Amino acid sequence: MIKFQTVVKTVMLKLWLVGYRQWENIHWVIVGGESGVKARPMDEDWVLSIKKQCAKQKSAFFFKQWGSWGSDGVKRNKKSNGRKLAGKVYDEYPEIEFSLG
């Protein structure tokens, strides 16, 4: 699992993972924006880029929250900004394989 919270710039996962981890071992990516008084805005395109990279590698994508800055660039309560990305809630979880016995 990789958790990108807070996303404050675009992330190229393949480049970020070089020398750190194998992309094939990343089953779940969680993304979210900052909240609080000093929160920085998050660009929707940055998040969509991560989502697209996850889809390409068949990794589960979970969008946690916008944080204090909404997709419209307005600062407000994080609950008011919600969890929708491009009009949809992304609650993907990785598949878990196990065997009994």
N, C-alpha and C. Protein backbone atom coordinates (compact mmCIF):
# COMPACT_ATOMS: atom_id res chain seq x y z
N MET A 1 0.84 -1.18 0.00
CA MET A 1 0.00 0.00 0.00
C MET A 1 0.89 1.24 0.00
N ILE A 2 0.44 2.22 -0.75
CA ILE A 2 1.06 3.54 -0.73
C ILE A 2 -0.04 4.53 -0.41
N LYS A 3 0.26 5.44 0.49
CA LYS A 3 -0.70 6.48 0.84
C LYS A 3 -0.12 7.83 0.45
N PHE A 4 -0.78 8.52 -0.47
CA PHE A 4 -0.40 9.87 -0.86
C PHE A 4 -1.38 10.84 -0.23
N GLN A 5 -1.01 11.27 0.93
CA GLN A 5 -1.82 12.28 1.60
C GLN A 5 -0.84 13.12 2.40
N THR A 6 -0.44 14.09 1.84
CA THR A 6 -1.13 15.07 1.03
C THR A 6 -0.52 15.12 -0.36
N VAL A 7 -1.37 15.22 -1.38
CA VAL A 7 -0.89 15.38 -2.75
C VAL A 7 -0.77 16.88 -3.01
N VAL A 8 0.45 17.36 -3.22
CA VAL A 8 0.66 18.79 -3.47
C VAL A 8 1.33 19.04 -4.81
N LYS A 9 1.53 17.97 -5.57
CA LYS A 9 2.02 18.11 -6.94
C LYS A 9 1.75 16.79 -7.66
N THR A 10 1.95 16.81 -8.96
CA THR A 10 1.72 15.60 -9.74
C THR A 10 2.73 14.52 -9.35
N VAL A 11 2.31 13.27 -9.40
CA VAL A 11 3.16 12.15 -9.01
C VAL A 11 3.20 11.15 -10.16
N MET A 12 4.39 10.82 -10.60
CA MET A 12 4.56 9.76 -11.59
C MET A 12 5.01 8.54 -10.80
N LEU A 13 4.08 7.64 -10.53
CA LEU A 13 4.36 6.51 -9.64
C LEU A 13 5.52 5.66 -10.11
N LYS A 14 5.60 5.40 -11.40
CA LYS A 14 6.68 4.54 -11.90
C LYS A 14 8.04 5.15 -11.58
N LEU A 15 8.18 6.45 -11.76
CA LEU A 15 9.44 7.12 -11.45
C LEU A 15 9.69 7.19 -9.95
N TRP A 16 8.64 7.43 -9.19
CA TRP A 16 8.76 7.52 -7.74
C TRP A 16 9.20 6.18 -7.15
N LEU A 17 8.76 5.10 -7.76
CA LEU A 17 9.05 3.76 -7.24
C LEU A 17 10.42 3.23 -7.64
N VAL A 18 11.08 3.84 -8.61
CA VAL A 18 12.38 3.35 -9.06
C VAL A 18 13.34 3.32 -7.87
N GLY A 19 13.93 2.16 -7.65
CA GLY A 19 14.89 2.02 -6.57
C GLY A 19 14.25 1.94 -5.20
N TYR A 20 12.94 1.98 -5.14
CA TYR A 20 12.26 1.96 -3.85
C TYR A 20 11.41 0.70 -3.69
N ARG A 21 10.54 0.47 -4.63
CA ARG A 21 9.65 -0.70 -4.59
C ARG A 21 9.33 -1.15 -6.00
N GLN A 22 8.91 -2.36 -6.10
CA GLN A 22 8.42 -2.87 -7.37
C GLN A 22 6.95 -2.48 -7.50
N TRP A 23 6.55 -1.89 -8.62
CA TRP A 23 5.15 -1.50 -8.82
C TRP A 23 4.22 -2.70 -8.69
N GLU A 24 4.69 -3.87 -9.12
CA GLU A 24 3.86 -5.07 -9.07
C GLU A 24 3.44 -5.42 -7.64
N ASN A 25 4.19 -4.97 -6.67
CA ASN A 25 3.88 -5.26 -5.26
C ASN A 25 2.96 -4.22 -4.63
N ILE A 26 2.56 -3.22 -5.39
CA ILE A 26 1.67 -2.18 -4.88
C ILE A 26 0.24 -2.57 -5.26
N HIS A 27 -0.53 -2.96 -4.28
CA HIS A 27 -1.89 -3.43 -4.51
C HIS A 27 -2.95 -2.37 -4.18
N TRP A 28 -2.54 -1.34 -3.45
CA TRP A 28 -3.53 -0.36 -3.00
C TRP A 28 -2.87 1.01 -2.89
N VAL A 29 -3.52 2.01 -3.47
CA VAL A 29 -3.04 3.39 -3.39
C VAL A 29 -4.17 4.25 -2.82
N ILE A 30 -3.87 4.96 -1.74
CA ILE A 30 -4.83 5.85 -1.09
C ILE A 30 -4.37 7.29 -1.32
N VAL A 31 -5.30 8.14 -1.76
CA VAL A 31 -4.97 9.52 -2.11
C VAL A 31 -5.91 10.47 -1.38
N GLY A 32 -5.37 11.60 -0.93
CA GLY A 32 -6.20 12.60 -0.28
C GLY A 32 -5.51 13.93 -0.18
N GLY A 33 -6.30 14.96 0.08
CA GLY A 33 -5.78 16.31 0.23
C GLY A 33 -5.56 16.68 1.68
N GLU A 34 -4.87 17.78 1.88
CA GLU A 34 -4.57 18.30 3.22
C GLU A 34 -5.78 18.99 3.82
N SER A 35 -5.84 18.94 5.13
CA SER A 35 -6.86 19.73 5.83
C SER A 35 -6.17 20.52 6.93
N GLY A 36 -6.86 21.53 7.40
CA GLY A 36 -6.30 22.37 8.45
C GLY A 36 -6.04 23.79 7.97
N VAL A 37 -5.61 24.62 8.90
CA VAL A 37 -5.41 26.05 8.64
C VAL A 37 -4.38 26.30 7.53
N LYS A 38 -3.29 25.54 7.52
CA LYS A 38 -2.23 25.77 6.54
C LYS A 38 -2.29 24.81 5.35
N ALA A 39 -3.46 24.22 5.13
CA ALA A 39 -3.63 23.26 4.03
C ALA A 39 -3.35 23.92 2.69
N ARG A 40 -2.74 23.14 1.81
CA ARG A 40 -2.46 23.58 0.45
C ARG A 40 -3.47 22.95 -0.50
N PRO A 41 -3.83 23.63 -1.58
CA PRO A 41 -4.80 23.06 -2.52
C PRO A 41 -4.23 21.87 -3.28
N MET A 42 -5.12 21.01 -3.72
CA MET A 42 -4.77 19.83 -4.51
C MET A 42 -5.46 19.94 -5.86
N ASP A 43 -4.74 19.74 -6.92
CA ASP A 43 -5.28 19.83 -8.27
C ASP A 43 -5.94 18.50 -8.65
N GLU A 44 -7.15 18.55 -9.17
CA GLU A 44 -7.87 17.35 -9.56
C GLU A 44 -7.10 16.53 -10.60
N ASP A 45 -6.39 17.21 -11.50
CA ASP A 45 -5.62 16.49 -12.52
C ASP A 45 -4.53 15.62 -11.90
N TRP A 46 -3.94 16.07 -10.79
CA TRP A 46 -2.91 15.26 -10.11
C TRP A 46 -3.51 13.93 -9.64
N VAL A 47 -4.69 14.02 -9.05
CA VAL A 47 -5.35 12.83 -8.52
C VAL A 47 -5.79 11.91 -9.66
N LEU A 48 -6.35 12.49 -10.71
CA LEU A 48 -6.79 11.69 -11.86
C LEU A 48 -5.60 10.99 -12.52
N SER A 49 -4.44 11.63 -12.52
CA SER A 49 -3.23 11.02 -13.07
C SER A 49 -2.85 9.78 -12.25
N ILE A 50 -2.89 9.88 -10.93
CA ILE A 50 -2.58 8.73 -10.07
C ILE A 50 -3.60 7.62 -10.30
N LYS A 51 -4.88 8.00 -10.39
CA LYS A 51 -5.93 7.00 -10.63
C LYS A 51 -5.70 6.26 -11.94
N LYS A 52 -5.33 6.98 -12.99
CA LYS A 52 -5.07 6.38 -14.30
C LYS A 52 -3.89 5.41 -14.21
N GLN A 53 -2.84 5.79 -13.49
CA GLN A 53 -1.69 4.92 -13.33
C GLN A 53 -2.06 3.65 -12.56
N CYS A 54 -2.92 3.79 -11.55
CA CYS A 54 -3.39 2.62 -10.79
C CYS A 54 -4.18 1.67 -11.69
N ALA A 55 -5.05 2.23 -12.51
CA ALA A 55 -5.86 1.39 -13.41
C ALA A 55 -4.96 0.62 -14.38
N LYS A 56 -3.94 1.29 -14.88
CA LYS A 56 -3.02 0.64 -15.82
C LYS A 56 -2.29 -0.53 -15.17
N GLN A 57 -1.95 -0.39 -13.88
CA GLN A 57 -1.21 -1.43 -13.17
C GLN A 57 -2.12 -2.38 -12.38
N LYS A 58 -3.44 -2.16 -12.50
CA LYS A 58 -4.43 -2.99 -11.80
C LYS A 58 -4.26 -2.94 -10.28
N SER A 59 -3.97 -1.74 -9.78
CA SER A 59 -3.88 -1.50 -8.34
C SER A 59 -5.17 -0.82 -7.88
N ALA A 60 -5.66 -1.20 -6.72
CA ALA A 60 -6.87 -0.58 -6.16
C ALA A 60 -6.59 0.89 -5.85
N PHE A 61 -7.58 1.74 -6.13
CA PHE A 61 -7.46 3.19 -5.91
C PHE A 61 -8.54 3.64 -4.94
N PHE A 62 -8.15 4.31 -3.87
CA PHE A 62 -9.08 4.80 -2.86
C PHE A 62 -8.87 6.30 -2.71
N PHE A 63 -9.91 7.08 -3.02
CA PHE A 63 -9.83 8.53 -2.83
C PHE A 63 -10.44 8.88 -1.49
N LYS A 64 -9.60 9.31 -0.56
CA LYS A 64 -10.03 9.53 0.82
C LYS A 64 -10.82 10.83 1.00
N GLN A 65 -10.28 11.94 0.49
CA GLN A 65 -10.94 13.23 0.71
C GLN A 65 -10.26 14.32 -0.11
N TRP A 66 -11.00 15.42 -0.28
CA TRP A 66 -10.41 16.61 -0.89
C TRP A 66 -9.61 17.40 0.13
N GLY A 67 -9.97 17.31 1.38
CA GLY A 67 -9.31 18.13 2.39
C GLY A 67 -9.97 19.50 2.47
N SER A 68 -9.20 20.47 2.89
CA SER A 68 -9.74 21.82 3.09
C SER A 68 -10.03 22.56 1.79
N TRP A 69 -9.42 22.14 0.70
CA TRP A 69 -9.63 22.78 -0.59
C TRP A 69 -10.46 21.87 -1.48
N GLY A 70 -11.55 22.36 -2.00
CA GLY A 70 -12.42 21.57 -2.87
C GLY A 70 -11.89 21.47 -4.28
N SER A 71 -12.52 20.63 -5.07
CA SER A 71 -12.11 20.48 -6.48
C SER A 71 -12.31 21.77 -7.26
N ASP A 72 -13.15 22.65 -6.73
CA ASP A 72 -13.41 23.94 -7.37
C ASP A 72 -12.42 25.03 -6.95
N GLY A 73 -11.45 24.66 -6.10
CA GLY A 73 -10.43 25.62 -5.66
C GLY A 73 -10.88 26.53 -4.54
N VAL A 74 -12.00 26.19 -3.89
CA VAL A 74 -12.51 27.00 -2.78
C VAL A 74 -12.17 26.32 -1.46
N LYS A 75 -11.64 27.11 -0.51
CA LYS A 75 -11.29 26.58 0.80
C LYS A 75 -12.51 26.61 1.71
N ARG A 76 -12.81 25.44 2.32
CA ARG A 76 -13.94 25.33 3.23
C ARG A 76 -13.74 24.10 4.10
N ASN A 77 -14.71 23.76 4.91
CA ASN A 77 -14.67 22.58 5.75
C ASN A 77 -14.47 21.33 4.90
N LYS A 78 -13.55 20.44 5.33
CA LYS A 78 -13.25 19.25 4.50
C LYS A 78 -14.46 18.36 4.28
N LYS A 79 -15.37 18.30 5.24
CA LYS A 79 -16.58 17.48 5.06
C LYS A 79 -17.45 18.06 3.95
N SER A 80 -17.47 19.37 3.84
CA SER A 80 -18.24 20.02 2.76
C SER A 80 -17.65 19.72 1.39
N ASN A 81 -16.34 19.55 1.34
CA ASN A 81 -15.68 19.26 0.05
C ASN A 81 -15.90 17.83 -0.40
N GLY A 82 -16.13 16.95 0.54
CA GLY A 82 -16.51 15.58 0.21
C GLY A 82 -15.40 14.69 -0.32
N ARG A 83 -15.83 13.57 -0.91
CA ARG A 83 -14.93 12.53 -1.38
C ARG A 83 -15.09 12.21 -2.86
N LYS A 84 -15.93 12.96 -3.56
CA LYS A 84 -16.15 12.67 -4.98
C LYS A 84 -15.01 13.21 -5.83
N LEU A 85 -14.56 12.37 -6.73
CA LEU A 85 -13.54 12.72 -7.71
C LEU A 85 -14.18 12.57 -9.08
N ALA A 86 -14.24 13.66 -9.81
CA ALA A 86 -14.90 13.65 -11.13
C ALA A 86 -16.31 13.07 -11.02
N GLY A 87 -17.02 13.43 -9.93
CA GLY A 87 -18.41 13.03 -9.75
C GLY A 87 -18.64 11.64 -9.21
N LYS A 88 -17.58 10.94 -8.81
CA LYS A 88 -17.72 9.56 -8.34
C LYS A 88 -16.89 9.33 -7.07
N VAL A 89 -17.40 8.47 -6.19
CA VAL A 89 -16.65 8.07 -5.00
C VAL A 89 -15.84 6.83 -5.35
N TYR A 90 -14.55 6.85 -5.06
CA TYR A 90 -13.67 5.72 -5.32
C TYR A 90 -13.28 5.06 -4.01
N ASP A 91 -13.85 3.90 -3.76
CA ASP A 91 -13.62 3.12 -2.54
C ASP A 91 -13.05 1.75 -2.87
N GLU A 92 -12.09 1.69 -3.74
CA GLU A 92 -11.54 0.40 -4.15
C GLU A 92 -10.65 -0.18 -3.05
N TYR A 93 -10.73 -1.47 -2.89
CA TYR A 93 -9.88 -2.21 -1.96
C TYR A 93 -9.18 -3.31 -2.72
N PRO A 94 -7.98 -3.67 -2.30
CA PRO A 94 -7.29 -4.77 -2.99
C PRO A 94 -7.97 -6.10 -2.69
N GLU A 95 -7.84 -7.02 -3.64
CA GLU A 95 -8.35 -8.36 -3.40
C GLU A 95 -7.39 -9.07 -2.44
N ILE A 96 -7.96 -9.80 -1.52
CA ILE A 96 -7.16 -10.53 -0.54
C ILE A 96 -7.28 -12.01 -0.82
N GLU A 97 -6.15 -12.64 -1.03
CA GLU A 97 -6.14 -14.08 -1.26
C GLU A 97 -5.60 -14.78 -0.01
N PHE A 98 -6.31 -15.80 0.42
CA PHE A 98 -5.82 -16.58 1.55
C PHE A 98 -6.38 -17.99 1.44
N SER A 99 -5.76 -18.87 2.14
CA SER A 99 -6.24 -20.25 2.13
C SER A 99 -6.28 -20.77 3.56
N LEU A 100 -7.23 -21.62 3.81
CA LEU A 100 -7.36 -22.24 5.12
C LEU A 100 -6.76 -23.65 5.03
N GLY A 101 -5.87 -23.89 5.89
CA GLY A 101 -5.41 -25.26 5.91
C GLY A 101 -4.02 -25.46 5.69
